[in-house]
Amino acid sequence: MGGVPTIDVHTHYVPYGWPDLAAVAGPAEDWPWLRIENEREAMIMVSSREFRPVRSSCWDAEVRLAEMAEDGVDVQVVSPTPLFFSYLRPAQQAMRVARVFNDLALDICAPAPDRLVPFCQVPLQDVDAAVAELDRCLANGHVGVEIGNHVGERDLDDGGIVAFLQHCAGRGAPVFVHPWDMPVSSRLDRWMARWLTGMPAETHLSILALILGGGFDKVSEKLRICFAHGGGSFPFWLDRVENAWHRRNDIVATSEKPPSQYLDRFYVDSGVHGQRPLRLLVDTMGADRVLLGTDYPYPLGERPAGHAVRESEWLGDDAMANILGGNAMRFLYGK
């Protein structure tokens, strides 16, 4: 790799099978398990329900590396699939599940440690357990942590979650925020509407929680945190939020500063799938706050990786290089 590597900060893994979670963590009716079809294909099951088909790109480093080479990607951040977070279960169950998947993630990344960068998951519903698991994982070789954008009714400005983020800041551990538990209604059961509308809205809400809820005012500026899918709806609606902060200060102004003053506190990935939204994203956040992110290897992700960025003739060479890798180096390693 010459110069700054191209780094995809948003990819996921699924192990090629895992221990019976009822035996590991305790009885429950809806633990996920993997129905293996063959060496290349499997189905994630939740109890007896089919959840998602997956392919060997989820677990096979050789397949990943070959597809990374096709797409011109040097390094992938490899994060959990949010289904496994277990935030709504008792904390000790979630801790045991996290340990299983975190250790399997290290096995998946082991064949190419300079190219596959593992992020762990933690039992975020319990700050002490989350801190303990993060510290264990950092000692074992994980570089950072992926968290969901909320825990039940607790958003990212919740005191316990803020305390965990503060610990991440102190340890220098980057945090990747991914939506996981989306609104459910019959109106959202068509057209993958929970993914097409719920995910952007959930991510927008979690960014607002850290801004308007005062989370960023309580957490060290050393925190390195990135939001998936281009920050969801947030970049498009920033001016609306800014207007509300000034015009309805009595209701909205929980934060010490206007929303636009917090844009240097977080990153977003580039996963917006087109020139117009990418340009809005860069115009809103700045080219130093956008990281290449594809959602590999899932079908709603971007292939070839970085296509929208590389086709952006309006981006200067320096900005493009930063989005493709330079910003990710700062996010991952603080440099």
C-alpha atoms as a PDB file:
ATOM      1  CA  MET A   1       0.000   0.000   0.000  1.00  0.00           C
ATOM      2  CA  GLY A   2       1.565   3.227  -1.095  1.00  0.00           C
ATOM      3  CA  GLY A   3       0.627   6.495   0.553  1.00  0.00           C
ATOM      4  CA  VAL A   4      -2.584   6.683   2.573  1.00  0.00           C
ATOM      5  CA  PRO A   5      -4.522   3.412   2.408  1.00  0.00           C
ATOM      6  CA  THR A   6      -8.146   3.294   1.261  1.00  0.00           C
ATOM      7  CA  ILE A   7     -10.146   2.379   4.367  1.00  0.00           C
ATOM      8  CA  ASP A   8     -13.765   1.224   4.509  1.00  0.00           C
ATOM      9  CA  VAL A   9     -15.006   1.956   8.047  1.00  0.00           C
ATOM     10  CA  HIS A  10     -18.434   0.330   7.653  1.00  0.00           C
ATOM     11  CA  THR A  11     -18.448  -3.410   7.062  1.00  0.00           C
ATOM     12  CA  HIS A  12     -19.973  -6.290   8.994  1.00  0.00           C
ATOM     13  CA  TYR A  13     -19.256  -9.906   9.778  1.00  0.00           C
ATOM     14  CA  VAL A  14     -21.266 -12.994  10.642  1.00  0.00           C
ATOM     15  CA  PRO A  15     -19.341 -16.036  11.913  1.00  0.00           C
ATOM     16  CA  TYR A  16     -19.733 -19.388  10.168  1.00  0.00           C
ATOM     17  CA  GLY A  17     -21.721 -20.713  13.085  1.00  0.00           C
ATOM     18  CA  TRP A  18     -21.473 -20.130  16.836  1.00  0.00           C
ATOM     19  CA  PRO A  19     -22.211 -22.010  20.060  1.00  0.00           C
ATOM     20  CA  ASP A  20     -25.795 -22.546  21.171  1.00  0.00           C
ATOM     21  CA  LEU A  21     -26.552 -19.200  22.826  1.00  0.00           C
ATOM     22  CA  ALA A  22     -29.147 -20.755  25.125  1.00  0.00           C
ATOM     23  CA  ALA A  23     -26.392 -22.941  26.562  1.00  0.00           C
ATOM     24  CA  VAL A  24     -23.935 -20.035  26.748  1.00  0.00           C
ATOM     25  CA  ALA A  25     -26.173 -17.221  27.983  1.00  0.00           C
ATOM     26  CA  GLY A  26     -29.372 -18.816  29.293  1.00  0.00           C
ATOM     27  CA  PRO A  27     -32.689 -20.076  27.957  1.00  0.00           C
ATOM     28  CA  ALA A  28     -34.715 -17.872  25.604  1.00  0.00           C
ATOM     29  CA  GLU A  29     -37.059 -18.563  22.733  1.00  0.00           C
ATOM     30  CA  ASP A  30     -35.520 -16.264  20.154  1.00  0.00           C
ATOM     31  CA  TRP A  31     -31.752 -16.644  20.193  1.00  0.00           C
ATOM     32  CA  PRO A  32     -30.243 -16.269  16.704  1.00  0.00           C
ATOM     33  CA  TRP A  33     -28.539 -19.250  15.100  1.00  0.00           C
ATOM     34  CA  LEU A  34     -27.072 -20.018  11.680  1.00  0.00           C
ATOM     35  CA  ARG A  35     -28.628 -22.521   9.302  1.00  0.00           C
ATOM     36  CA  ILE A  36     -25.732 -23.502   7.070  1.00  0.00           C
ATOM     37  CA  GLU A  37     -26.722 -24.303   3.493  1.00  0.00           C
ATOM     38  CA  ASN A  38     -23.245 -25.009   2.120  1.00  0.00           C
ATOM     39  CA  GLU A  39     -19.699 -23.624   2.350  1.00  0.00           C
ATOM     40  CA  ARG A  40     -20.721 -20.359   0.679  1.00  0.00           C
ATOM     41  CA  GLU A  41     -24.286 -19.736   1.831  1.00  0.00           C
ATOM     42  CA  ALA A  42     -26.198 -19.679   5.112  1.00  0.00           C
ATOM     43  CA  MET A  43     -29.347 -18.249   6.660  1.00  0.00           C
ATOM     44  CA  ILE A  44     -29.434 -16.294   9.918  1.00  0.00           C
ATOM     45  CA  MET A  45     -32.359 -17.654  11.884  1.00  0.00           C
ATOM     46  CA  VAL A  46     -34.178 -16.118  14.843  1.00  0.00           C
ATOM     47  CA  SER A  47     -35.892 -19.044  16.510  1.00  0.00           C
ATOM     48  CA  SER A  48     -37.728 -20.636  13.547  1.00  0.00           C
ATOM     49  CA  ARG A  49     -37.915 -17.400  11.502  1.00  0.00           C
ATOM     50  CA  GLU A  50     -35.597 -16.675   8.577  1.00  0.00           C
ATOM     51  CA  PHE A  51     -33.897 -13.335   9.274  1.00  0.00           C
ATOM     52  CA  ARG A  52     -31.310 -12.806   6.536  1.00  0.00           C
ATOM     53  CA  PRO A  53     -29.423 -14.879   3.946  1.00  0.00           C
ATOM     54  CA  VAL A  54     -25.655 -14.424   4.134  1.00  0.00           C
ATOM     55  CA  ARG A  55     -22.715 -15.521   2.044  1.00  0.00           C
ATOM     56  CA  SER A  56     -19.125 -16.507   2.758  1.00  0.00           C
ATOM     57  CA  SER A  57     -18.018 -12.883   2.404  1.00  0.00           C
ATOM     58  CA  CYS A  58     -19.392 -12.492   5.941  1.00  0.00           C
ATOM     59  CA  TRP A  59     -16.920 -14.946   7.493  1.00  0.00           C
ATOM     60  CA  ASP A  60     -14.217 -15.899   4.995  1.00  0.00           C
ATOM     61  CA  ALA A  61     -11.199 -13.561   5.048  1.00  0.00           C
ATOM     62  CA  GLU A  62     -10.002 -14.907   1.699  1.00  0.00           C
ATOM     63  CA  VAL A  63     -13.275 -13.922   0.018  1.00  0.00           C
ATOM     64  CA  ARG A  64     -13.189 -10.495   1.695  1.00  0.00           C
ATOM     65  CA  LEU A  65      -9.649  -9.811   0.609  1.00  0.00           C
ATOM     66  CA  ALA A  66     -10.394 -10.815  -2.978  1.00  0.00           C
ATOM     67  CA  GLU A  67     -13.403  -8.475  -3.146  1.00  0.00           C
ATOM     68  CA  MET A  68     -11.428  -5.703  -1.440  1.00  0.00           C
ATOM     69  CA  ALA A  69      -8.807  -6.074  -4.167  1.00  0.00           C
ATOM     70  CA  GLU A  70     -11.514  -5.818  -6.842  1.00  0.00           C
ATOM     71  CA  ASP A  71     -12.772  -2.584  -5.264  1.00  0.00           C
ATOM     72  CA  GLY A  72      -9.421  -1.011  -4.468  1.00  0.00           C
ATOM     73  CA  VAL A  73      -9.892  -1.166  -0.696  1.00  0.00           C
ATOM     74  CA  ASP A  74      -6.791  -1.677   1.428  1.00  0.00           C
ATOM     75  CA  VAL A  75      -8.348  -1.924   4.896  1.00  0.00           C
ATOM     76  CA  GLN A  76     -11.774  -2.794   6.267  1.00  0.00           C
ATOM     77  CA  VAL A  77     -13.143  -2.077   9.725  1.00  0.00           C
ATOM     78  CA  VAL A  78     -15.051  -5.272  10.527  1.00  0.00           C
ATOM     79  CA  SER A  79     -17.962  -4.677  12.913  1.00  0.00           C
ATOM     80  CA  PRO A  80     -20.707  -6.864  14.384  1.00  0.00           C
ATOM     81  CA  THR A  81     -24.058  -7.363  12.722  1.00  0.00           C
ATOM     82  CA  PRO A  82     -26.430  -5.385  14.998  1.00  0.00           C
ATOM     83  CA  LEU A  83     -28.844  -8.319  15.393  1.00  0.00           C
ATOM     84  CA  PHE A  84     -26.413  -9.742  17.943  1.00  0.00           C
ATOM     85  CA  PHE A  85     -26.257  -6.702  20.271  1.00  0.00           C
ATOM     86  CA  SER A  86     -28.795  -8.222  22.731  1.00  0.00           C
ATOM     87  CA  TYR A  87     -29.493  -4.849  24.373  1.00  0.00           C
ATOM     88  CA  LEU A  88     -33.011  -5.820  25.440  1.00  0.00           C
ATOM     89  CA  ARG A  89     -31.856  -8.890  27.351  1.00  0.00           C
ATOM     90  CA  PRO A  90     -30.414  -9.024  30.890  1.00  0.00           C
ATOM     91  CA  ALA A  91     -26.936  -7.514  30.952  1.00  0.00           C
ATOM     92  CA  GLN A  92     -25.192 -10.747  31.931  1.00  0.00           C
ATOM     93  CA  GLN A  93     -26.764 -12.543  28.978  1.00  0.00           C
ATOM     94  CA  ALA A  94     -25.683  -9.746  26.648  1.00  0.00           C
ATOM     95  CA  MET A  95     -22.167  -9.899  28.112  1.00  0.00           C
ATOM     96  CA  ARG A  96     -21.873 -13.625  27.413  1.00  0.00           C
ATOM     97  CA  VAL A  97     -23.170 -13.168  23.866  1.00  0.00           C
ATOM     98  CA  ALA A  98     -20.750 -10.290  23.262  1.00  0.00           C
ATOM     99  CA  ARG A  99     -17.821 -12.432  24.378  1.00  0.00           C
ATOM    100  CA  VAL A 100     -18.779 -15.181  21.946  1.00  0.00           C
ATOM    101  CA  PHE A 101     -19.027 -12.891  18.931  1.00  0.00           C
ATOM    102  CA  ASN A 102     -16.071 -10.703  19.861  1.00  0.00           C
ATOM    103  CA  ASP A 103     -13.774 -13.704  20.092  1.00  0.00           C
ATOM    104  CA  LEU A 104     -15.067 -15.082  16.790  1.00  0.00           C
ATOM    105  CA  ALA A 105     -14.451 -11.678  15.168  1.00  0.00           C
ATOM    106  CA  LEU A 106     -10.778 -11.945  16.057  1.00  0.00           C
ATOM    107  CA  ASP A 107     -10.655 -15.347  14.361  1.00  0.00           C
ATOM    108  CA  ILE A 108     -12.247 -13.918  11.203  1.00  0.00           C
ATOM    109  CA  CYS A 109      -9.748 -11.039  11.052  1.00  0.00           C
ATOM    110  CA  ALA A 110      -6.675 -13.065  12.088  1.00  0.00           C
ATOM    111  CA  PRO A 111      -5.598 -14.095   8.552  1.00  0.00           C
ATOM    112  CA  ALA A 112      -4.962 -10.433   7.598  1.00  0.00           C
ATOM    113  CA  PRO A 113      -4.408  -8.364  10.753  1.00  0.00           C
ATOM    114  CA  ASP A 114      -2.984  -5.426   8.806  1.00  0.00           C
ATOM    115  CA  ARG A 115      -6.053  -5.270   6.552  1.00  0.00           C
ATOM    116  CA  LEU A 116      -9.028  -6.431   8.654  1.00  0.00           C
ATOM    117  CA  VAL A 117      -9.566  -4.229  11.716  1.00  0.00           C
ATOM    118  CA  PRO A 118     -11.971  -5.734  14.275  1.00  0.00           C
ATOM    119  CA  PHE A 119     -14.489  -3.664  16.236  1.00  0.00           C
ATOM    120  CA  CYS A 120     -16.206  -5.257  19.213  1.00  0.00           C
ATOM    121  CA  GLN A 121     -19.718  -5.112  20.660  1.00  0.00           C
ATOM    122  CA  VAL A 122     -20.570  -4.484  24.330  1.00  0.00           C
ATOM    123  CA  PRO A 123     -23.590  -4.933  26.640  1.00  0.00           C
ATOM    124  CA  LEU A 124     -24.460  -1.250  26.441  1.00  0.00           C
ATOM    125  CA  GLN A 125     -27.431  -1.589  28.808  1.00  0.00           C
ATOM    126  CA  ASP A 126     -24.959  -1.870  31.717  1.00  0.00           C
ATOM    127  CA  VAL A 127     -22.130   0.686  31.753  1.00  0.00           C
ATOM    128  CA  ASP A 128     -19.839  -1.332  34.052  1.00  0.00           C
ATOM    129  CA  ALA A 129     -20.253  -4.482  31.962  1.00  0.00           C
ATOM    130  CA  ALA A 130     -19.770  -2.489  28.754  1.00  0.00           C
ATOM    131  CA  VAL A 131     -16.565  -0.919  30.067  1.00  0.00           C
ATOM    132  CA  ALA A 132     -15.252  -4.301  31.195  1.00  0.00           C
ATOM    133  CA  GLU A 133     -15.917  -5.938  27.828  1.00  0.00           C
ATOM    134  CA  LEU A 134     -14.423  -3.018  25.887  1.00  0.00           C
ATOM    135  CA  ASP A 135     -11.255  -3.192  27.974  1.00  0.00           C
ATOM    136  CA  ARG A 136     -11.020  -6.962  27.507  1.00  0.00           C
ATOM    137  CA  CYS A 137     -11.440  -6.589  23.758  1.00  0.00           C
ATOM    138  CA  LEU A 138      -8.906  -3.770  23.422  1.00  0.00           C
ATOM    139  CA  ALA A 139      -6.391  -5.952  25.270  1.00  0.00           C
ATOM    140  CA  ASN A 140      -7.132  -8.851  22.902  1.00  0.00           C
ATOM    141  CA  GLY A 141      -6.698  -6.915  19.657  1.00  0.00           C
ATOM    142  CA  HIS A 142      -9.929  -5.086  18.863  1.00  0.00           C
ATOM    143  CA  VAL A 143      -9.336  -1.488  17.769  1.00  0.00           C
ATOM    144  CA  GLY A 144     -12.727   0.061  18.557  1.00  0.00           C
ATOM    145  CA  VAL A 145     -16.385  -0.617  19.291  1.00  0.00           C
ATOM    146  CA  GLU A 146     -19.650  -0.586  17.362  1.00  0.00           C
ATOM    147  CA  ILE A 147     -22.723   0.414  19.356  1.00  0.00           C
ATOM    148  CA  GLY A 148     -26.395   0.724  18.512  1.00  0.00           C
ATOM    149  CA  ASN A 149     -28.010   4.135  18.439  1.00  0.00           C
ATOM    150  CA  HIS A 150     -30.140   3.563  21.553  1.00  0.00           C
ATOM    151  CA  VAL A 151     -30.947   1.051  24.281  1.00  0.00           C
ATOM    152  CA  GLY A 152     -34.703   0.728  24.603  1.00  0.00           C
ATOM    153  CA  GLU A 153     -35.969   4.196  25.564  1.00  0.00           C
ATOM    154  CA  ARG A 154     -32.443   5.389  26.478  1.00  0.00           C
ATOM    155  CA  ASP A 155     -30.782   7.471  23.775  1.00  0.00           C
ATOM    156  CA  LEU A 156     -27.106   8.376  23.450  1.00  0.00           C
ATOM    157  CA  ASP A 157     -27.419  11.259  25.922  1.00  0.00           C
ATOM    158  CA  ASP A 158     -28.422   8.820  28.681  1.00  0.00           C
ATOM    159  CA  GLY A 159     -26.117   9.098  31.682  1.00  0.00           C
ATOM    160  CA  GLY A 160     -24.870   5.529  31.499  1.00  0.00           C
ATOM    161  CA  ILE A 161     -24.205   5.666  27.757  1.00  0.00           C
ATOM    162  CA  VAL A 162     -22.450   9.028  28.156  1.00  0.00           C
ATOM    163  CA  ALA A 163     -20.268   7.457  30.863  1.00  0.00           C
ATOM    164  CA  PHE A 164     -19.365   4.641  28.454  1.00  0.00           C
ATOM    165  CA  LEU A 165     -18.539   7.129  25.692  1.00  0.00           C
ATOM    166  CA  GLN A 166     -16.369   9.043  28.128  1.00  0.00           C
ATOM    167  CA  HIS A 167     -14.502   5.815  28.885  1.00  0.00           C
ATOM    168  CA  CYS A 168     -14.000   5.281  25.141  1.00  0.00           C
ATOM    169  CA  ALA A 169     -12.586   8.799  24.908  1.00  0.00           C
ATOM    170  CA  GLY A 170     -10.197   8.086  27.741  1.00  0.00           C
ATOM    171  CA  ARG A 171      -9.037   4.818  26.167  1.00  0.00           C
ATOM    172  CA  GLY A 172      -8.726   6.360  22.705  1.00  0.00           C
ATOM    173  CA  ALA A 173     -11.184   3.784  21.346  1.00  0.00           C
ATOM    174  CA  PRO A 174     -13.126   4.900  18.249  1.00  0.00           C
ATOM    175  CA  VAL A 175     -16.895   4.374  18.345  1.00  0.00           C
ATOM    176  CA  PHE A 176     -19.030   3.474  15.318  1.00  0.00           C
ATOM    177  CA  VAL A 177     -22.775   4.064  15.777  1.00  0.00           C
ATOM    178  CA  HIS A 178     -25.154   1.885  13.758  1.00  0.00           C
ATOM    179  CA  PRO A 179     -28.974   1.919  13.838  1.00  0.00           C
ATOM    180  CA  TRP A 180     -30.361  -1.394  15.021  1.00  0.00           C
ATOM    181  CA  ASP A 181     -33.896  -1.397  16.464  1.00  0.00           C
ATOM    182  CA  MET A 182     -36.192   0.412  14.061  1.00  0.00           C
ATOM    183  CA  PRO A 183     -39.827   1.496  14.436  1.00  0.00           C
ATOM    184  CA  VAL A 184     -42.337  -1.245  13.672  1.00  0.00           C
ATOM    185  CA  SER A 185     -45.792  -0.777  12.162  1.00  0.00           C
ATOM    186  CA  SER A 186     -47.845  -2.235   9.338  1.00  0.00           C
ATOM    187  CA  ARG A 187     -47.027   0.882   7.295  1.00  0.00           C
ATOM    188  CA  LEU A 188     -43.343  -0.008   7.450  1.00  0.00           C
ATOM    189  CA  ASP A 189     -43.679  -3.651   6.409  1.00  0.00           C
ATOM    190  CA  ARG A 190     -43.587  -2.861   2.680  1.00  0.00           C
ATOM    191  CA  TRP A 191     -40.643  -2.030   0.402  1.00  0.00           C
ATOM    192  CA  MET A 192     -38.061  -2.573   3.180  1.00  0.00           C
ATOM    193  CA  ALA A 193     -39.462   0.689   4.573  1.00  0.00           C
ATOM    194  CA  ARG A 194     -37.900   0.175   7.999  1.00  0.00           C
ATOM    195  CA  TRP A 195     -34.483   0.213   6.323  1.00  0.00           C
ATOM    196  CA  LEU A 196     -35.325   2.987   3.853  1.00  0.00           C
ATOM    197  CA  THR A 197     -37.002   5.377   6.315  1.00  0.00           C
ATOM    198  CA  GLY A 198     -36.431   4.037   9.827  1.00  0.00           C
ATOM    199  CA  MET A 199     -32.651   3.740   9.646  1.00  0.00           C
ATOM    200  CA  PRO A 200     -32.089   7.335   8.440  1.00  0.00           C
ATOM    201  CA  ALA A 201     -34.528   8.676  11.033  1.00  0.00           C
ATOM    202  CA  GLU A 202     -33.007   6.649  13.883  1.00  0.00           C
ATOM    203  CA  THR A 203     -29.504   7.855  13.054  1.00  0.00           C
ATOM    204  CA  HIS A 204     -30.707  11.461  12.843  1.00  0.00           C
ATOM    205  CA  LEU A 205     -32.332  11.083  16.255  1.00  0.00           C
ATOM    206  CA  SER A 206     -29.204   9.681  17.874  1.00  0.00           C
ATOM    207  CA  ILE A 207     -27.071  12.557  16.565  1.00  0.00           C
ATOM    208  CA  LEU A 208     -29.648  15.013  17.929  1.00  0.00           C
ATOM    209  CA  ALA A 209     -29.486  13.264  21.299  1.00  0.00           C
ATOM    210  CA  LEU A 210     -25.766  13.940  21.580  1.00  0.00           C
ATOM    211  CA  ILE A 211     -26.219  17.542  20.414  1.00  0.00           C
ATOM    212  CA  LEU A 212     -29.561  18.755  21.786  1.00  0.00           C
ATOM    213  CA  GLY A 213     -29.510  16.366  24.723  1.00  0.00           C
ATOM    214  CA  GLY A 214     -26.197  17.813  25.857  1.00  0.00           C
ATOM    215  CA  GLY A 215     -24.220  14.607  25.347  1.00  0.00           C
ATOM    216  CA  PHE A 216     -21.376  16.306  23.528  1.00  0.00           C
ATOM    217  CA  ASP A 217     -21.220  18.945  26.271  1.00  0.00           C
ATOM    218  CA  LYS A 218     -20.562  16.182  28.820  1.00  0.00           C
ATOM    219  CA  VAL A 219     -18.100  14.060  26.842  1.00  0.00           C
ATOM    220  CA  SER A 220     -14.460  14.896  26.206  1.00  0.00           C
ATOM    221  CA  GLU A 221     -13.606  16.347  22.816  1.00  0.00           C
ATOM    222  CA  LYS A 222     -11.157  13.457  22.550  1.00  0.00           C
ATOM    223  CA  LEU A 223     -14.077  11.146  21.735  1.00  0.00           C
ATOM    224  CA  ARG A 224     -13.838   9.865  18.166  1.00  0.00           C
ATOM    225  CA  ILE A 225     -17.306   8.812  17.031  1.00  0.00           C
ATOM    226  CA  CYS A 226     -18.755   8.085  13.583  1.00  0.00           C
ATOM    227  CA  PHE A 227     -22.364   7.577  12.471  1.00  0.00           C
ATOM    228  CA  ALA A 228     -23.357   5.124   9.745  1.00  0.00           C
ATOM    229  CA  HIS A 229     -25.212   5.798   6.485  1.00  0.00           C
ATOM    230  CA  GLY A 230     -24.068   9.392   6.073  1.00  0.00           C
ATOM    231  CA  GLY A 231     -25.540  10.409   9.413  1.00  0.00           C
ATOM    232  CA  GLY A 232     -29.002   9.405   8.229  1.00  0.00           C
ATOM    233  CA  SER A 233     -31.376  12.347   7.756  1.00  0.00           C
ATOM    234  CA  PHE A 234     -29.290  14.744   9.845  1.00  0.00           C
ATOM    235  CA  PRO A 235     -27.324  16.543   7.082  1.00  0.00           C
ATOM    236  CA  PHE A 236     -30.496  17.378   5.163  1.00  0.00           C
ATOM    237  CA  TRP A 237     -32.313  18.731   8.226  1.00  0.00           C
ATOM    238  CA  LEU A 238     -29.489  20.537  10.050  1.00  0.00           C
ATOM    239  CA  ASP A 239     -30.821  23.960   9.099  1.00  0.00           C
ATOM    240  CA  ARG A 240     -34.281  23.032  10.406  1.00  0.00           C
ATOM    241  CA  VAL A 241     -32.735  21.964  13.716  1.00  0.00           C
ATOM    242  CA  GLU A 242     -30.650  25.139  13.816  1.00  0.00           C
ATOM    243  CA  ASN A 243     -33.749  27.256  13.199  1.00  0.00           C
ATOM    244  CA  ALA A 244     -35.619  25.473  15.993  1.00  0.00           C
ATOM    245  CA  TRP A 245     -32.710  25.960  18.414  1.00  0.00           C
ATOM    246  CA  HIS A 246     -32.789  29.735  17.840  1.00  0.00           C
ATOM    247  CA  ARG A 247     -36.550  30.287  17.501  1.00  0.00           C
ATOM    248  CA  ARG A 248     -37.794  27.924  20.216  1.00  0.00           C
ATOM    249  CA  ASN A 249     -34.883  28.292  22.599  1.00  0.00           C
ATOM    250  CA  ASP A 250     -37.205  27.569  25.520  1.00  0.00           C
ATOM    251  CA  ILE A 251     -37.845  24.029  24.259  1.00  0.00           C
ATOM    252  CA  VAL A 252     -34.896  23.046  22.075  1.00  0.00           C
ATOM    253  CA  ALA A 253     -31.869  24.731  23.638  1.00  0.00           C
ATOM    254  CA  THR A 254     -30.624  21.976  25.934  1.00  0.00           C
ATOM    255  CA  SER A 255     -27.168  22.183  24.380  1.00  0.00           C
ATOM    256  CA  GLU A 256     -24.698  24.890  25.265  1.00  0.00           C
ATOM    257  CA  LYS A 257     -24.203  25.909  21.627  1.00  0.00           C
ATOM    258  CA  PRO A 258     -26.257  25.908  18.416  1.00  0.00           C
ATOM    259  CA  PRO A 259     -26.309  22.545  16.605  1.00  0.00           C
ATOM    260  CA  SER A 260     -24.030  23.739  13.793  1.00  0.00           C
ATOM    261  CA  GLN A 261     -21.262  24.283  16.336  1.00  0.00           C
ATOM    262  CA  TYR A 262     -20.967  20.547  17.025  1.00  0.00           C
ATOM    263  CA  LEU A 263     -20.144  19.343  13.507  1.00  0.00           C
ATOM    264  CA  ASP A 264     -16.482  18.977  14.428  1.00  0.00           C
ATOM    265  CA  ARG A 265     -17.352  16.516  17.200  1.00  0.00           C
ATOM    266  CA  PHE A 266     -18.281  13.554  15.007  1.00  0.00           C
ATOM    267  CA  TYR A 267     -17.744  11.815  11.683  1.00  0.00           C
ATOM    268  CA  VAL A 268     -20.208  10.258   9.233  1.00  0.00           C
ATOM    269  CA  ASP A 269     -19.596   7.615   6.613  1.00  0.00           C
ATOM    270  CA  SER A 270     -20.094   8.144   2.888  1.00  0.00           C
ATOM    271  CA  GLY A 271     -22.866   5.571   2.443  1.00  0.00           C
ATOM    272  CA  VAL A 272     -25.436   7.769   0.695  1.00  0.00           C
ATOM    273  CA  HIS A 273     -25.311   6.151  -2.781  1.00  0.00           C
ATOM    274  CA  GLY A 274     -25.166   9.133  -5.106  1.00  0.00           C
ATOM    275  CA  GLN A 275     -23.601  12.413  -6.115  1.00  0.00           C
ATOM    276  CA  ARG A 276     -26.317  14.773  -4.891  1.00  0.00           C
ATOM    277  CA  PRO A 277     -26.531  13.432  -1.330  1.00  0.00           C
ATOM    278  CA  LEU A 278     -22.756  13.069  -1.158  1.00  0.00           C
ATOM    279  CA  ARG A 279     -22.294  16.692  -2.143  1.00  0.00           C
ATOM    280  CA  LEU A 280     -24.801  17.792   0.500  1.00  0.00           C
ATOM    281  CA  LEU A 281     -23.005  15.613   3.032  1.00  0.00           C
ATOM    282  CA  VAL A 282     -19.604  17.121   2.266  1.00  0.00           C
ATOM    283  CA  ASP A 283     -21.015  20.656   2.111  1.00  0.00           C
ATOM    284  CA  THR A 284     -22.678  20.172   5.500  1.00  0.00           C
ATOM    285  CA  MET A 285     -20.050  18.223   7.427  1.00  0.00           C
ATOM    286  CA  GLY A 286     -16.868  19.256   5.645  1.00  0.00           C
ATOM    287  CA  ALA A 287     -14.575  16.947   3.686  1.00  0.00           C
ATOM    288  CA  ASP A 288     -12.552  16.247   6.847  1.00  0.00           C
ATOM    289  CA  ARG A 289     -15.560  14.653   8.591  1.00  0.00           C
ATOM    290  CA  VAL A 290     -16.669  12.101   5.964  1.00  0.00           C
ATOM    291  CA  LEU A 291     -15.222   8.571   5.889  1.00  0.00           C
ATOM    292  CA  LEU A 292     -15.569   5.882   3.248  1.00  0.00           C
ATOM    293  CA  GLY A 293     -18.246   3.433   4.396  1.00  0.00           C
ATOM    294  CA  THR A 294     -20.036   0.815   2.305  1.00  0.00           C
ATOM    295  CA  ASP A 295     -22.084  -1.547   4.549  1.00  0.00           C
ATOM    296  CA  TYR A 296     -20.224  -4.480   2.931  1.00  0.00           C
ATOM    297  CA  PRO A 297     -21.157  -7.285   2.401  1.00  0.00           C
ATOM    298  CA  TYR A 298     -24.888  -6.633   2.635  1.00  0.00           C
ATOM    299  CA  PRO A 299     -27.006  -6.074  -0.490  1.00  0.00           C
ATOM    300  CA  LEU A 300     -27.973  -2.466   0.356  1.00  0.00           C
ATOM    301  CA  GLY A 301     -24.274  -1.581   0.559  1.00  0.00           C
ATOM    302  CA  GLU A 302     -22.118   0.088  -2.075  1.00  0.00           C
ATOM    303  CA  ARG A 303     -20.216  -1.948  -4.647  1.00  0.00           C
ATOM    304  CA  PRO A 304     -17.736  -1.157  -5.998  1.00  0.00           C
ATOM    305  CA  ALA A 305     -16.655   0.377  -2.730  1.00  0.00           C
ATOM    306  CA  GLY A 306     -16.105   4.127  -2.920  1.00  0.00           C
ATOM    307  CA  HIS A 307     -17.730   4.460  -6.336  1.00  0.00           C
ATOM    308  CA  ALA A 308     -19.663   7.615  -5.430  1.00  0.00           C
ATOM    309  CA  VAL A 309     -16.579   9.267  -3.953  1.00  0.00           C
ATOM    310  CA  ARG A 310     -14.265   8.334  -6.819  1.00  0.00           C
ATOM    311  CA  GLU A 311     -16.759   9.590  -9.403  1.00  0.00           C
ATOM    312  CA  SER A 312     -17.105  12.984  -7.679  1.00  0.00           C
ATOM    313  CA  GLU A 313     -15.289  15.286 -10.092  1.00  0.00           C
ATOM    314  CA  TRP A 314     -16.225  18.259  -7.898  1.00  0.00           C
ATOM    315  CA  LEU A 315     -14.061  16.905  -5.068  1.00  0.00           C
ATOM    316  CA  GLY A 316     -10.475  18.080  -5.081  1.00  0.00           C
ATOM    317  CA  ASP A 317      -7.652  15.552  -4.858  1.00  0.00           C
ATOM    318  CA  ASP A 318      -6.930  16.304  -1.196  1.00  0.00           C
ATOM    319  CA  ALA A 319     -10.584  16.037  -0.174  1.00  0.00           C
ATOM    320  CA  MET A 320     -10.992  12.764  -2.033  1.00  0.00           C
ATOM    321  CA  ALA A 321      -7.853  11.322  -0.463  1.00  0.00           C
ATOM    322  CA  ASN A 322      -9.092  12.320   2.987  1.00  0.00           C
ATOM    323  CA  ILE A 323     -12.511  10.731   2.480  1.00  0.00           C
ATOM    324  CA  LEU A 324     -11.025   7.533   1.052  1.00  0.00           C
ATOM    325  CA  GLY A 325      -8.525   7.051   3.853  1.00  0.00           C
ATOM    326  CA  GLY A 326      -6.929  10.026   5.568  1.00  0.00           C
ATOM    327  CA  ASN A 327      -9.932  10.837   7.747  1.00  0.00           C
ATOM    328  CA  ALA A 328     -10.288   7.188   8.734  1.00  0.00           C
ATOM    329  CA  MET A 329      -6.692   7.141   9.984  1.00  0.00           C
ATOM    330  CA  ARG A 330      -7.593  10.001  12.324  1.00  0.00           C
ATOM    331  CA  PHE A 331     -10.816   8.320  13.376  1.00  0.00           C
ATOM    332  CA  LEU A 332      -9.183   4.968  14.048  1.00  0.00           C
ATOM    333  CA  TYR A 333      -5.863   6.004  15.493  1.00  0.00           C
ATOM    334  CA  GLY A 334      -6.112   9.715  16.269  1.00  0.00           C
ATOM    335  CA  LYS A 335      -3.481  10.642  13.695  1.00  0.00           C
END
